[in-house]
Amino acid sequence: SDWSSDVCSSDLLNGVIVHSGNANHGHYFSIIKKGDSYIKFDDESGLEITKEEYEKETFGCGESYPLAATLLFYIKSDIKNQKEMIEQTEQI
């Protein structure tokens, strides 16, 4: 892409897929960021979680197994358009 030297590039983390378990078995779920909120999708449910829960769920210890974010989704934007991108994400 053609980036002007006066435009600063930034990547916004928009979602993650998390693995809970070990190499032999486990479970996957996803978390997306919508504005200032985080929504966890696990099988048939979608629940809003706090930032602290998001941080624990993406890299930490679950009830029975370790948790690790395995796939990250970013939105590419420049600093000038960052607020507009966040507002568009909130409307989805």
PDB file of N, CA and C in Angstrom:
ATOM      1  N   SER A   1       0.824  -1.190   0.000  1.00  0.00           N
ATOM      2  CA  SER A   1       0.000   0.000   0.000  1.00  0.00           C
ATOM      3  C   SER A   1       0.866   1.251   0.000  1.00  0.00           C
ATOM      4  N   ASP A   2       0.288   2.364  -0.383  1.00  0.00           N
ATOM      5  CA  ASP A   2       1.000   3.623  -0.496  1.00  0.00           C
ATOM      6  C   ASP A   2       0.737   4.480   0.731  1.00  0.00           C
ATOM      7  N   TRP A   3       1.669   4.490   1.673  1.00  0.00           N
ATOM      8  CA  TRP A   3       1.515   5.263   2.913  1.00  0.00           C
ATOM      9  C   TRP A   3       2.322   6.546   2.803  1.00  0.00           C
ATOM     10  N   SER A   4       1.689   7.652   3.111  1.00  0.00           N
ATOM     11  CA  SER A   4       2.382   8.933   3.153  1.00  0.00           C
ATOM     12  C   SER A   4       3.283   8.955   4.374  1.00  0.00           C
ATOM     13  N   SER A   5       4.409   9.639   4.271  1.00  0.00           N
ATOM     14  CA  SER A   5       5.355   9.671   5.392  1.00  0.00           C
ATOM     15  C   SER A   5       4.801  10.421   6.601  1.00  0.00           C
ATOM     16  N   ASP A   6       3.753  11.260   6.412  1.00  0.00           N
ATOM     17  CA  ASP A   6       3.205  12.002   7.549  1.00  0.00           C
ATOM     18  C   ASP A   6       2.037  11.273   8.216  1.00  0.00           C
ATOM     19  N   VAL A   7       1.706  10.066   7.765  1.00  0.00           N
ATOM     20  CA  VAL A   7       0.631   9.291   8.368  1.00  0.00           C
ATOM     21  C   VAL A   7       1.249   8.197   9.223  1.00  0.00           C
ATOM     22  N   CYS A   8       0.821   8.137  10.458  1.00  0.00           N
ATOM     23  CA  CYS A   8       1.328   7.135  11.389  1.00  0.00           C
ATOM     24  C   CYS A   8       0.402   5.923  11.355  1.00  0.00           C
ATOM     25  N   SER A   9       0.939   4.746  11.179  1.00  0.00           N
ATOM     26  CA  SER A   9       0.146   3.528  11.082  1.00  0.00           C
ATOM     27  C   SER A   9      -0.037   2.894  12.452  1.00  0.00           C
ATOM     28  N   SER A  10      -1.204   2.280  12.644  1.00  0.00           N
ATOM     29  CA  SER A  10      -1.504   1.615  13.904  1.00  0.00           C
ATOM     30  C   SER A  10      -2.388   0.406  13.620  1.00  0.00           C
ATOM     31  N   ASP A  11      -2.212  -0.650  14.381  1.00  0.00           N
ATOM     32  CA  ASP A  11      -3.070  -1.821  14.280  1.00  0.00           C
ATOM     33  C   ASP A  11      -3.926  -1.892  15.538  1.00  0.00           C
ATOM     34  N   LEU A  12      -5.235  -2.081  15.348  1.00  0.00           N
ATOM     35  CA  LEU A  12      -6.150  -2.191  16.479  1.00  0.00           C
ATOM     36  C   LEU A  12      -6.539  -3.650  16.667  1.00  0.00           C
ATOM     37  N   LEU A  13      -6.256  -4.206  17.837  1.00  0.00           N
ATOM     38  CA  LEU A  13      -6.659  -5.577  18.128  1.00  0.00           C
ATOM     39  C   LEU A  13      -8.176  -5.616  18.213  1.00  0.00           C
ATOM     40  N   ASN A  14      -8.795  -6.480  17.411  1.00  0.00           N
ATOM     41  CA  ASN A  14     -10.245  -6.513  17.322  1.00  0.00           C
ATOM     42  C   ASN A  14     -10.839  -7.836  17.798  1.00  0.00           C
ATOM     43  N   GLY A  15     -10.034  -8.898  17.845  1.00  0.00           N
ATOM     44  CA  GLY A  15     -10.567 -10.182  18.279  1.00  0.00           C
ATOM     45  C   GLY A  15      -9.475 -11.215  18.458  1.00  0.00           C
ATOM     46  N   VAL A  16      -9.802 -12.251  19.227  1.00  0.00           N
ATOM     47  CA  VAL A  16      -8.862 -13.350  19.449  1.00  0.00           C
ATOM     48  C   VAL A  16      -9.616 -14.672  19.467  1.00  0.00           C
ATOM     49  N   ILE A  17      -8.923 -15.716  19.076  1.00  0.00           N
ATOM     50  CA  ILE A  17      -9.404 -17.080  19.290  1.00  0.00           C
ATOM     51  C   ILE A  17      -8.502 -17.678  20.349  1.00  0.00           C
ATOM     52  N   VAL A  18      -9.126 -18.258  21.365  1.00  0.00           N
ATOM     53  CA  VAL A  18      -8.399 -18.758  22.531  1.00  0.00           C
ATOM     54  C   VAL A  18      -8.529 -20.278  22.612  1.00  0.00           C
ATOM     55  N   HIS A  19      -7.425 -20.948  22.944  1.00  0.00           N
ATOM     56  CA  HIS A  19      -7.437 -22.389  23.174  1.00  0.00           C
ATOM     57  C   HIS A  19      -7.319 -22.659  24.664  1.00  0.00           C
ATOM     58  N   SER A  20      -8.210 -23.484  25.163  1.00  0.00           N
ATOM     59  CA  SER A  20      -8.161 -23.939  26.552  1.00  0.00           C
ATOM     60  C   SER A  20      -7.926 -25.440  26.517  1.00  0.00           C
ATOM     61  N   GLY A  21      -6.853 -25.888  27.096  1.00  0.00           N
ATOM     62  CA  GLY A  21      -6.581 -27.318  27.092  1.00  0.00           C
ATOM     63  C   GLY A  21      -5.109 -27.603  26.912  1.00  0.00           C
ATOM     64  N   ASN A  22      -4.831 -28.782  26.369  1.00  0.00           N
ATOM     65  CA  ASN A  22      -3.451 -29.172  26.124  1.00  0.00           C
ATOM     66  C   ASN A  22      -3.340 -29.749  24.717  1.00  0.00           C
ATOM     67  N   ALA A  23      -2.210 -30.335  24.394  1.00  0.00           N
ATOM     68  CA  ALA A  23      -1.983 -30.850  23.042  1.00  0.00           C
ATOM     69  C   ALA A  23      -2.897 -32.029  22.706  1.00  0.00           C
ATOM     70  N   ASN A  24      -3.386 -32.759  23.699  1.00  0.00           N
ATOM     71  CA  ASN A  24      -4.224 -33.934  23.460  1.00  0.00           C
ATOM     72  C   ASN A  24      -5.701 -33.605  23.289  1.00  0.00           C
ATOM     73  N   HIS A  25      -6.166 -32.592  23.963  1.00  0.00           N
ATOM     74  CA  HIS A  25      -7.570 -32.196  23.831  1.00  0.00           C
ATOM     75  C   HIS A  25      -7.750 -30.770  24.363  1.00  0.00           C
ATOM     76  N   GLY A  26      -8.873 -30.180  24.006  1.00  0.00           N
ATOM     77  CA  GLY A  26      -9.128 -28.825  24.456  1.00  0.00           C
ATOM     78  C   GLY A  26     -10.379 -28.254  23.831  1.00  0.00           C
ATOM     79  N   HIS A  27     -10.524 -26.961  23.986  1.00  0.00           N
ATOM     80  CA  HIS A  27     -11.718 -26.258  23.543  1.00  0.00           C
ATOM     81  C   HIS A  27     -11.307 -24.883  23.039  1.00  0.00           C
ATOM     82  N   TYR A  28     -11.975 -24.410  21.998  1.00  0.00           N
ATOM     83  CA  TYR A  28     -11.714 -23.080  21.461  1.00  0.00           C
ATOM     84  C   TYR A  28     -12.909 -22.176  21.702  1.00  0.00           C
ATOM     85  N   PHE A  29     -12.638 -20.897  21.957  1.00  0.00           N
ATOM     86  CA  PHE A  29     -13.680 -19.881  22.007  1.00  0.00           C
ATOM     87  C   PHE A  29     -13.083 -18.588  21.492  1.00  0.00           C
ATOM     88  N   SER A  30     -13.928 -17.607  21.233  1.00  0.00           N
ATOM     89  CA  SER A  30     -13.434 -16.343  20.693  1.00  0.00           C
ATOM     90  C   SER A  30     -13.901 -15.170  21.535  1.00  0.00           C
ATOM     91  N   ILE A  31     -13.134 -14.089  21.464  1.00  0.00           N
ATOM     92  CA  ILE A  31     -13.483 -12.842  22.147  1.00  0.00           C
ATOM     93  C   ILE A  31     -13.269 -11.717  21.141  1.00  0.00           C
ATOM     94  N   ILE A  32     -14.274 -10.839  21.017  1.00  0.00           N
ATOM     95  CA  ILE A  32     -14.126  -9.676  20.159  1.00  0.00           C
ATOM     96  C   ILE A  32     -14.210  -8.422  21.011  1.00  0.00           C
ATOM     97  N   LYS A  33     -13.580  -7.365  20.512  1.00  0.00           N
ATOM     98  CA  LYS A  33     -13.657  -6.062  21.158  1.00  0.00           C
ATOM     99  C   LYS A  33     -14.654  -5.236  20.371  1.00  0.00           C
ATOM    100  N   LYS A  34     -15.637  -4.713  21.052  1.00  0.00           N
ATOM    101  CA  LYS A  34     -16.654  -3.876  20.430  1.00  0.00           C
ATOM    102  C   LYS A  34     -16.695  -2.568  21.202  1.00  0.00           C
ATOM    103  N   GLY A  35     -16.058  -1.538  20.649  1.00  0.00           N
ATOM    104  CA  GLY A  35     -15.934  -0.273  21.385  1.00  0.00           C
ATOM    105  C   GLY A  35     -15.036  -0.485  22.590  1.00  0.00           C
ATOM    106  N   ASP A  36     -15.547  -0.186  23.767  1.00  0.00           N
ATOM    107  CA  ASP A  36     -14.806  -0.410  25.007  1.00  0.00           C
ATOM    108  C   ASP A  36     -15.190  -1.722  25.680  1.00  0.00           C
ATOM    109  N   SER A  37     -16.048  -2.508  25.032  1.00  0.00           N
ATOM    110  CA  SER A  37     -16.541  -3.761  25.607  1.00  0.00           C
ATOM    111  C   SER A  37     -15.844  -4.959  24.975  1.00  0.00           C
ATOM    112  N   TYR A  38     -15.902  -6.073  25.671  1.00  0.00           N
ATOM    113  CA  TYR A  38     -15.379  -7.344  25.176  1.00  0.00           C
ATOM    114  C   TYR A  38     -16.512  -8.354  25.238  1.00  0.00           C
ATOM    115  N   ILE A  39     -16.683  -9.125  24.154  1.00  0.00           N
ATOM    116  CA  ILE A  39     -17.738 -10.128  24.113  1.00  0.00           C
ATOM    117  C   ILE A  39     -17.102 -11.484  23.859  1.00  0.00           C
ATOM    118  N   LYS A  40     -17.407 -12.430  24.740  1.00  0.00           N
ATOM    119  CA  LYS A  40     -16.870 -13.792  24.644  1.00  0.00           C
ATOM    120  C   LYS A  40     -17.933 -14.690  24.022  1.00  0.00           C
ATOM    121  N   PHE A  41     -17.548 -15.364  22.922  1.00  0.00           N
ATOM    122  CA  PHE A  41     -18.426 -16.309  22.249  1.00  0.00           C
ATOM    123  C   PHE A  41     -17.908 -17.712  22.526  1.00  0.00           C
ATOM    124  N   ASP A  42     -18.734 -18.508  23.174  1.00  0.00           N
ATOM    125  CA  ASP A  42     -18.357 -19.856  23.577  1.00  0.00           C
ATOM    126  C   ASP A  42     -19.500 -20.802  23.225  1.00  0.00           C
ATOM    127  N   ASP A  43     -19.327 -21.587  22.182  1.00  0.00           N
ATOM    128  CA  ASP A  43     -20.366 -22.468  21.660  1.00  0.00           C
ATOM    129  C   ASP A  43     -21.608 -21.657  21.296  1.00  0.00           C
ATOM    130  N   GLU A  44     -22.668 -21.755  22.072  1.00  0.00           N
ATOM    131  CA  GLU A  44     -23.924 -21.092  21.715  1.00  0.00           C
ATOM    132  C   GLU A  44     -24.184 -19.802  22.474  1.00  0.00           C
ATOM    133  N   SER A  45     -23.257 -19.353  23.292  1.00  0.00           N
ATOM    134  CA  SER A  45     -23.511 -18.150  24.087  1.00  0.00           C
ATOM    135  C   SER A  45     -22.552 -17.026  23.730  1.00  0.00           C
ATOM    136  N   GLY A  46     -23.004 -15.817  23.941  1.00  0.00           N
ATOM    137  CA  GLY A  46     -22.186 -14.628  23.784  1.00  0.00           C
ATOM    138  C   GLY A  46     -22.406 -13.736  24.994  1.00  0.00           C
ATOM    139  N   LEU A  47     -21.369 -13.549  25.796  1.00  0.00           N
ATOM    140  CA  LEU A  47     -21.492 -12.785  27.037  1.00  0.00           C
ATOM    141  C   LEU A  47     -20.489 -11.649  27.070  1.00  0.00           C
ATOM    142  N   GLU A  48     -20.920 -10.485  27.555  1.00  0.00           N
ATOM    143  CA  GLU A  48     -20.001  -9.371  27.730  1.00  0.00           C
ATOM    144  C   GLU A  48     -19.132  -9.651  28.952  1.00  0.00           C
ATOM    145  N   ILE A  49     -17.825  -9.416  28.808  1.00  0.00           N
ATOM    146  CA  ILE A  49     -16.891  -9.628  29.916  1.00  0.00           C
ATOM    147  C   ILE A  49     -16.103  -8.348  30.156  1.00  0.00           C
ATOM    148  N   THR A  50     -15.477  -8.258  31.326  1.00  0.00           N
ATOM    149  CA  THR A  50     -14.693  -7.080  31.674  1.00  0.00           C
ATOM    150  C   THR A  50     -13.311  -7.152  31.027  1.00  0.00           C
ATOM    151  N   LYS A  51     -12.607  -6.029  31.041  1.00  0.00           N
ATOM    152  CA  LYS A  51     -11.238  -6.000  30.501  1.00  0.00           C
ATOM    153  C   LYS A  51     -10.349  -6.951  31.297  1.00  0.00           C
ATOM    154  N   GLU A  52     -10.537  -7.012  32.609  1.00  0.00           N
ATOM    155  CA  GLU A  52      -9.741  -7.909  33.449  1.00  0.00           C
ATOM    156  C   GLU A  52      -9.999  -9.373  33.072  1.00  0.00           C
ATOM    157  N   GLU A  53     -11.271  -9.719  32.836  1.00  0.00           N
ATOM    158  CA  GLU A  53     -11.600 -11.083  32.418  1.00  0.00           C
ATOM    159  C   GLU A  53     -10.995 -11.378  31.046  1.00  0.00           C
ATOM    160  N   TYR A  54     -11.056 -10.393  30.147  1.00  0.00           N
ATOM    161  CA  TYR A  54     -10.461 -10.535  28.817  1.00  0.00           C
ATOM    162  C   TYR A  54      -8.972 -10.853  28.934  1.00  0.00           C
ATOM    163  N   GLU A  55      -8.261 -10.100  29.763  1.00  0.00           N
ATOM    164  CA  GLU A  55      -6.826 -10.323  29.917  1.00  0.00           C
ATOM    165  C   GLU A  55      -6.543 -11.699  30.506  1.00  0.00           C
ATOM    166  N   LYS A  56      -7.339 -12.121  31.469  1.00  0.00           N
ATOM    167  CA  LYS A  56      -7.154 -13.437  32.073  1.00  0.00           C
ATOM    168  C   LYS A  56      -7.499 -14.561  31.088  1.00  0.00           C
ATOM    169  N   GLU A  57      -8.560 -14.351  30.307  1.00  0.00           N
ATOM    170  CA  GLU A  57      -9.021 -15.373  29.360  1.00  0.00           C
ATOM    171  C   GLU A  57      -8.090 -15.542  28.162  1.00  0.00           C
ATOM    172  N   THR A  58      -7.346 -14.509  27.796  1.00  0.00           N
ATOM    173  CA  THR A  58      -6.493 -14.610  26.616  1.00  0.00           C
ATOM    174  C   THR A  58      -5.092 -15.107  26.930  1.00  0.00           C
ATOM    175  N   PHE A  59      -4.678 -15.016  28.163  1.00  0.00           N
ATOM    176  CA  PHE A  59      -3.377 -15.551  28.551  1.00  0.00           C
ATOM    177  C   PHE A  59      -3.378 -15.735  30.057  1.00  0.00           C
ATOM    178  N   GLY A  60      -3.699 -16.927  30.472  1.00  0.00           N
ATOM    179  CA  GLY A  60      -3.757 -17.154  31.911  1.00  0.00           C
ATOM    180  C   GLY A  60      -4.124 -18.579  32.210  1.00  0.00           C
ATOM    181  N   CYS A  61      -4.665 -18.764  33.355  1.00  0.00           N
ATOM    182  CA  CYS A  61      -5.004 -20.096  33.811  1.00  0.00           C
ATOM    183  C   CYS A  61      -6.519 -20.211  33.930  1.00  0.00           C
ATOM    184  N   GLY A  62      -7.087 -21.157  33.219  1.00  0.00           N
ATOM    185  CA  GLY A  62      -8.517 -21.404  33.311  1.00  0.00           C
ATOM    186  C   GLY A  62      -8.824 -22.231  34.545  1.00  0.00           C
ATOM    187  N   GLU A  63     -10.069 -22.651  34.648  1.00  0.00           N
ATOM    188  CA  GLU A  63     -10.474 -23.446  35.809  1.00  0.00           C
ATOM    189  C   GLU A  63      -9.727 -24.781  35.849  1.00  0.00           C
ATOM    190  N   SER A  64      -9.574 -25.414  34.696  1.00  0.00           N
ATOM    191  CA  SER A  64      -8.921 -26.724  34.655  1.00  0.00           C
ATOM    192  C   SER A  64      -7.667 -26.761  33.792  1.00  0.00           C
ATOM    193  N   TYR A  65      -7.590 -25.873  32.794  1.00  0.00           N
ATOM    194  CA  TYR A  65      -6.504 -25.909  31.821  1.00  0.00           C
ATOM    195  C   TYR A  65      -5.927 -24.518  31.596  1.00  0.00           C
ATOM    196  N   PRO A  66      -4.694 -24.461  31.101  1.00  0.00           N
ATOM    197  CA  PRO A  66      -4.141 -23.150  30.729  1.00  0.00           C
ATOM    198  C   PRO A  66      -4.881 -22.579  29.528  1.00  0.00           C
ATOM    199  N   LEU A  67      -4.901 -21.255  29.433  1.00  0.00           N
ATOM    200  CA  LEU A  67      -5.543 -20.549  28.326  1.00  0.00           C
ATOM    201  C   LEU A  67      -4.483 -19.809  27.525  1.00  0.00           C
ATOM    202  N   ALA A  68      -4.638 -19.781  26.202  1.00  0.00           N
ATOM    203  CA  ALA A  68      -3.683 -19.053  25.366  1.00  0.00           C
ATOM    204  C   ALA A  68      -4.380 -18.543  24.112  1.00  0.00           C
ATOM    205  N   ALA A  69      -4.235 -17.251  23.847  1.00  0.00           N
ATOM    206  CA  ALA A  69      -4.730 -16.690  22.597  1.00  0.00           C
ATOM    207  C   ALA A  69      -3.894 -17.283  21.476  1.00  0.00           C
ATOM    208  N   THR A  70      -4.547 -17.922  20.507  1.00  0.00           N
ATOM    209  CA  THR A  70      -3.803 -18.604  19.446  1.00  0.00           C
ATOM    210  C   THR A  70      -3.903 -17.909  18.096  1.00  0.00           C
ATOM    211  N   LEU A  71      -4.920 -17.074  17.907  1.00  0.00           N
ATOM    212  CA  LEU A  71      -5.088 -16.361  16.649  1.00  0.00           C
ATOM    213  C   LEU A  71      -5.605 -14.966  16.975  1.00  0.00           C
ATOM    214  N   LEU A  72      -4.939 -13.948  16.435  1.00  0.00           N
ATOM    215  CA  LEU A  72      -5.287 -12.554  16.717  1.00  0.00           C
ATOM    216  C   LEU A  72      -5.805 -11.890  15.452  1.00  0.00           C
ATOM    217  N   PHE A  73      -6.828 -11.056  15.594  1.00  0.00           N
ATOM    218  CA  PHE A  73      -7.403 -10.317  14.474  1.00  0.00           C
ATOM    219  C   PHE A  73      -7.208  -8.826  14.715  1.00  0.00           C
ATOM    220  N   TYR A  74      -6.635  -8.145  13.726  1.00  0.00           N
ATOM    221  CA  TYR A  74      -6.356  -6.710  13.829  1.00  0.00           C
ATOM    222  C   TYR A  74      -7.094  -5.936  12.747  1.00  0.00           C
ATOM    223  N   ILE A  75      -7.390  -4.677  13.043  1.00  0.00           N
ATOM    224  CA  ILE A  75      -7.900  -3.734  12.058  1.00  0.00           C
ATOM    225  C   ILE A  75      -6.779  -2.751  11.788  1.00  0.00           C
ATOM    226  N   LYS A  76      -6.413  -2.596  10.528  1.00  0.00           N
ATOM    227  CA  LYS A  76      -5.362  -1.662  10.131  1.00  0.00           C
ATOM    228  C   LYS A  76      -5.969  -0.272   9.991  1.00  0.00           C
ATOM    229  N   SER A  77      -5.332   0.706  10.600  1.00  0.00           N
ATOM    230  CA  SER A  77      -5.818   2.068  10.476  1.00  0.00           C
ATOM    231  C   SER A  77      -4.658   3.028  10.665  1.00  0.00           C
ATOM    232  N   ASP A  78      -4.886   4.283  10.312  1.00  0.00           N
ATOM    233  CA  ASP A  78      -3.904   5.292  10.628  1.00  0.00           C
ATOM    234  C   ASP A  78      -4.433   6.112  11.805  1.00  0.00           C
ATOM    235  N   ILE A  79      -3.564   6.804  12.484  1.00  0.00           N
ATOM    236  CA  ILE A  79      -3.927   7.542  13.683  1.00  0.00           C
ATOM    237  C   ILE A  79      -5.046   8.546  13.403  1.00  0.00           C
ATOM    238  N   LYS A  80      -5.038   9.180  12.238  1.00  0.00           N
ATOM    239  CA  LYS A  80      -6.058  10.172  11.910  1.00  0.00           C
ATOM    240  C   LYS A  80      -7.453   9.562  11.856  1.00  0.00           C
ATOM    241  N   ASN A  81      -7.549   8.298  11.450  1.00  0.00           N
ATOM    242  CA  ASN A  81      -8.854   7.657  11.287  1.00  0.00           C
ATOM    243  C   ASN A  81      -9.187   6.672  12.404  1.00  0.00           C
ATOM    244  N   GLN A  82      -8.376   6.614  13.434  1.00  0.00           N
ATOM    245  CA  GLN A  82      -8.575   5.621  14.481  1.00  0.00           C
ATOM    246  C   GLN A  82      -9.931   5.769  15.173  1.00  0.00           C
ATOM    247  N   LYS A  83     -10.321   6.982  15.526  1.00  0.00           N
ATOM    248  CA  LYS A  83     -11.608   7.198  16.192  1.00  0.00           C
ATOM    249  C   LYS A  83     -12.754   6.751  15.292  1.00  0.00           C
ATOM    250  N   GLU A  84     -12.689   7.074  14.011  1.00  0.00           N
ATOM    251  CA  GLU A  84     -13.728   6.669  13.066  1.00  0.00           C
ATOM    252  C   GLU A  84     -13.813   5.147  12.964  1.00  0.00           C
ATOM    253  N   MET A  85     -12.676   4.464  12.944  1.00  0.00           N
ATOM    254  CA  MET A  85     -12.662   2.997  12.863  1.00  0.00           C
ATOM    255  C   MET A  85     -13.319   2.386  14.101  1.00  0.00           C
ATOM    256  N   ILE A  86     -13.025   2.932  15.280  1.00  0.00           N
ATOM    257  CA  ILE A  86     -13.609   2.420  16.516  1.00  0.00           C
ATOM    258  C   ILE A  86     -15.118   2.615  16.490  1.00  0.00           C
ATOM    259  N   GLU A  87     -15.583   3.771  16.045  1.00  0.00           N
ATOM    260  CA  GLU A  87     -17.015   4.040  15.962  1.00  0.00           C
ATOM    261  C   GLU A  87     -17.701   3.087  14.998  1.00  0.00           C
ATOM    262  N   GLN A  88     -17.054   2.768  13.866  1.00  0.00           N
ATOM    263  CA  GLN A  88     -17.625   1.826  12.903  1.00  0.00           C
ATOM    264  C   GLN A  88     -17.703   0.436  13.512  1.00  0.00           C
ATOM    265  N   THR A  89     -16.701   0.029  14.277  1.00  0.00           N
ATOM    266  CA  THR A  89     -16.693  -1.270  14.926  1.00  0.00           C
ATOM    267  C   THR A  89     -17.831  -1.366  15.919  1.00  0.00           C
ATOM    268  N   GLU A  90     -18.133  -0.283  16.619  1.00  0.00           N
ATOM    269  CA  GLU A  90     -19.217  -0.278  17.602  1.00  0.00           C
ATOM    270  C   GLU A  90     -20.569  -0.486  16.945  1.00  0.00           C
ATOM    271  N   GLN A  91     -20.731  -0.136  15.685  1.00  0.00           N
ATOM    272  CA  GLN A  91     -22.004  -0.258  14.987  1.00  0.00           C
ATOM    273  C   GLN A  91     -22.239  -1.665  14.460  1.00  0.00           C
ATOM    274  N   ILE A  92     -21.220  -2.499  14.436  1.00  0.00           N
ATOM    275  CA  ILE A  92     -21.351  -3.873  13.907  1.00  0.00           C
ATOM    276  C   ILE A  92     -22.125  -4.727  14.876  1.00  0.00           C
TER     277      ILE A  92
END
